[in-house]
Amino acid sequence: MSQSITAEDLFAQVKQMTAKERIKFFSLIAISAFKDSDYSHDQVFGRLKNEAFSAEEAAEYLEVSLPTLRRYVQSGKLKPNTVIGRSQLFSSTDLRLFKQKMN
């Protein structure tokens, strides 16, 4: 006989986990849920096609640190699409192309 647990009970148990255990828990869920799926870039990021990314979001998307992103900009390897005051916004299309070149 299988046991079932309510979402509320599961949430309460997850809240009691240490941060390290929560990371392991959600990693296992992600690995199990998506192991048979091969999503295309458009399926995952298609809705962001015309969105601008902040510097922090761009660094996360490129999987680099913010200082590394700033070095790419300073060296001219990557250019912000828009500059508003001190904030730089990056085109998702430019970031995708840059990431492809990096790999």
C-alpha atoms as a PDB file:
ATOM      1  CA  MET A   1       0.000   0.000   0.000  1.00  0.00           C
ATOM      2  CA  SER A   2       1.448   3.376  -0.971  1.00  0.00           C
ATOM      3  CA  GLN A   3       1.471   6.311   1.359  1.00  0.00           C
ATOM      4  CA  SER A   4       0.541   9.762   0.173  1.00  0.00           C
ATOM      5  CA  ILE A   5       1.518  13.105   1.571  1.00  0.00           C
ATOM      6  CA  THR A   6      -0.188  16.430   1.097  1.00  0.00           C
ATOM      7  CA  ALA A   7       1.583  19.349  -0.499  1.00  0.00           C
ATOM      8  CA  GLU A   8       1.321  21.259   2.774  1.00  0.00           C
ATOM      9  CA  ASP A   9       2.985  18.429   4.693  1.00  0.00           C
ATOM     10  CA  LEU A  10       5.745  18.129   2.113  1.00  0.00           C
ATOM     11  CA  PHE A  11       6.325  21.890   2.209  1.00  0.00           C
ATOM     12  CA  ALA A  12       6.560  21.785   6.011  1.00  0.00           C
ATOM     13  CA  GLN A  13       9.137  18.996   5.804  1.00  0.00           C
ATOM     14  CA  VAL A  14      11.170  20.840   3.148  1.00  0.00           C
ATOM     15  CA  LYS A  15      11.222  23.979   5.316  1.00  0.00           C
ATOM     16  CA  GLN A  16      12.755  21.934   8.127  1.00  0.00           C
ATOM     17  CA  MET A  17      15.616  20.687   5.937  1.00  0.00           C
ATOM     18  CA  THR A  18      19.029  22.292   6.067  1.00  0.00           C
ATOM     19  CA  ALA A  19      19.996  24.344   3.031  1.00  0.00           C
ATOM     20  CA  LYS A  20      22.359  21.588   1.910  1.00  0.00           C
ATOM     21  CA  GLU A  21      19.619  18.958   2.097  1.00  0.00           C
ATOM     22  CA  ARG A  22      17.166  21.212   0.189  1.00  0.00           C
ATOM     23  CA  ILE A  23      19.735  21.615  -2.600  1.00  0.00           C
ATOM     24  CA  LYS A  24      20.155  17.838  -2.810  1.00  0.00           C
ATOM     25  CA  PHE A  25      16.378  17.319  -2.718  1.00  0.00           C
ATOM     26  CA  PHE A  26      15.620  19.744  -5.541  1.00  0.00           C
ATOM     27  CA  SER A  27      18.589  18.503  -7.564  1.00  0.00           C
ATOM     28  CA  LEU A  28      17.204  14.972  -7.379  1.00  0.00           C
ATOM     29  CA  ILE A  29      13.791  16.220  -8.464  1.00  0.00           C
ATOM     30  CA  ALA A  30      15.277  18.123 -11.399  1.00  0.00           C
ATOM     31  CA  ILE A  31      17.422  15.198 -12.503  1.00  0.00           C
ATOM     32  CA  SER A  32      14.517  12.772 -12.287  1.00  0.00           C
ATOM     33  CA  ALA A  33      11.954  15.063 -13.857  1.00  0.00           C
ATOM     34  CA  PHE A  34      14.017  16.133 -16.843  1.00  0.00           C
ATOM     35  CA  LYS A  35      16.336  13.211 -17.561  1.00  0.00           C
ATOM     36  CA  ASP A  36      14.246  11.982 -20.509  1.00  0.00           C
ATOM     37  CA  SER A  37      13.530  15.457 -21.838  1.00  0.00           C
ATOM     38  CA  ASP A  38      15.672  17.205 -24.380  1.00  0.00           C
ATOM     39  CA  TYR A  39      14.318  20.720 -24.449  1.00  0.00           C
ATOM     40  CA  SER A  40      15.463  23.110 -27.147  1.00  0.00           C
ATOM     41  CA  HIS A  41      16.727  26.579 -26.340  1.00  0.00           C
ATOM     42  CA  ASP A  42      13.506  28.049 -27.750  1.00  0.00           C
ATOM     43  CA  GLN A  43      11.339  25.831 -25.554  1.00  0.00           C
ATOM     44  CA  VAL A  44      13.136  26.972 -22.432  1.00  0.00           C
ATOM     45  CA  PHE A  45      13.963  30.593 -23.284  1.00  0.00           C
ATOM     46  CA  GLY A  46      11.615  31.366 -26.193  1.00  0.00           C
ATOM     47  CA  ARG A  47       9.423  33.673 -24.147  1.00  0.00           C
ATOM     48  CA  LEU A  48      12.513  35.763 -23.362  1.00  0.00           C
ATOM     49  CA  LYS A  49      13.455  36.268 -27.017  1.00  0.00           C
ATOM     50  CA  ASN A  50      12.847  40.027 -26.958  1.00  0.00           C
ATOM     51  CA  GLU A  51      13.592  40.654 -23.285  1.00  0.00           C
ATOM     52  CA  ALA A  52      16.534  42.633 -21.982  1.00  0.00           C
ATOM     53  CA  PHE A  53      18.692  41.090 -19.262  1.00  0.00           C
ATOM     54  CA  SER A  54      20.277  43.067 -16.439  1.00  0.00           C
ATOM     55  CA  ALA A  55      24.003  42.612 -15.873  1.00  0.00           C
ATOM     56  CA  GLU A  56      23.294  40.198 -13.021  1.00  0.00           C
ATOM     57  CA  GLU A  57      20.854  38.177 -15.145  1.00  0.00           C
ATOM     58  CA  ALA A  58      23.264  38.192 -18.091  1.00  0.00           C
ATOM     59  CA  ALA A  59      26.084  36.875 -15.894  1.00  0.00           C
ATOM     60  CA  GLU A  60      23.815  34.126 -14.579  1.00  0.00           C
ATOM     61  CA  TYR A  61      22.698  33.217 -18.119  1.00  0.00           C
ATOM     62  CA  LEU A  62      26.310  33.058 -19.315  1.00  0.00           C
ATOM     63  CA  GLU A  63      27.257  31.105 -16.171  1.00  0.00           C
ATOM     64  CA  VAL A  64      30.015  33.555 -15.266  1.00  0.00           C
ATOM     65  CA  SER A  65      30.569  35.892 -12.348  1.00  0.00           C
ATOM     66  CA  LEU A  66      29.503  39.521 -12.538  1.00  0.00           C
ATOM     67  CA  PRO A  67      33.156  40.704 -12.571  1.00  0.00           C
ATOM     68  CA  THR A  68      33.824  38.390 -15.536  1.00  0.00           C
ATOM     69  CA  LEU A  69      30.819  39.828 -17.371  1.00  0.00           C
ATOM     70  CA  ARG A  70      32.152  43.344 -16.677  1.00  0.00           C
ATOM     71  CA  ARG A  71      35.547  42.318 -18.119  1.00  0.00           C
ATOM     72  CA  TYR A  72      33.831  41.059 -21.287  1.00  0.00           C
ATOM     73  CA  VAL A  73      32.138  44.453 -21.631  1.00  0.00           C
ATOM     74  CA  GLN A  74      35.321  46.431 -20.906  1.00  0.00           C
ATOM     75  CA  SER A  75      37.283  44.431 -23.470  1.00  0.00           C
ATOM     76  CA  GLY A  76      34.568  44.899 -26.099  1.00  0.00           C
ATOM     77  CA  LYS A  77      33.763  41.200 -26.370  1.00  0.00           C
ATOM     78  CA  LEU A  78      30.183  41.893 -25.261  1.00  0.00           C
ATOM     79  CA  LYS A  79      28.217  45.097 -25.667  1.00  0.00           C
ATOM     80  CA  PRO A  80      25.167  46.159 -23.706  1.00  0.00           C
ATOM     81  CA  ASN A  81      22.080  46.743 -25.800  1.00  0.00           C
ATOM     82  CA  THR A  82      20.935  49.670 -23.666  1.00  0.00           C
ATOM     83  CA  VAL A  83      22.546  51.783 -20.961  1.00  0.00           C
ATOM     84  CA  ILE A  84      20.278  53.580 -18.496  1.00  0.00           C
ATOM     85  CA  GLY A  85      22.321  55.585 -16.032  1.00  0.00           C
ATOM     86  CA  ARG A  86      24.773  53.085 -14.600  1.00  0.00           C
ATOM     87  CA  SER A  87      22.608  50.093 -15.515  1.00  0.00           C
ATOM     88  CA  GLN A  88      23.456  48.016 -18.549  1.00  0.00           C
ATOM     89  CA  LEU A  89      20.858  45.872 -20.304  1.00  0.00           C
ATOM     90  CA  PHE A  90      21.814  43.034 -22.625  1.00  0.00           C
ATOM     91  CA  SER A  91      19.863  41.575 -25.523  1.00  0.00           C
ATOM     92  CA  SER A  92      18.918  37.940 -25.045  1.00  0.00           C
ATOM     93  CA  THR A  93      19.834  37.290 -28.685  1.00  0.00           C
ATOM     94  CA  ASP A  94      23.318  38.790 -28.193  1.00  0.00           C
ATOM     95  CA  LEU A  95      23.812  36.757 -25.033  1.00  0.00           C
ATOM     96  CA  ARG A  96      22.792  33.542 -26.782  1.00  0.00           C
ATOM     97  CA  LEU A  97      25.252  34.172 -29.628  1.00  0.00           C
ATOM     98  CA  PHE A  98      28.010  35.090 -27.181  1.00  0.00           C
ATOM     99  CA  LYS A  99      27.383  31.939 -25.144  1.00  0.00           C
ATOM    100  CA  GLN A 100      27.562  29.816 -28.292  1.00  0.00           C
ATOM    101  CA  LYS A 101      30.934  31.394 -29.156  1.00  0.00           C
ATOM    102  CA  MET A 102      32.191  30.711 -25.624  1.00  0.00           C
ATOM    103  CA  ASN A 103      31.520  26.973 -26.007  1.00  0.00           C
END
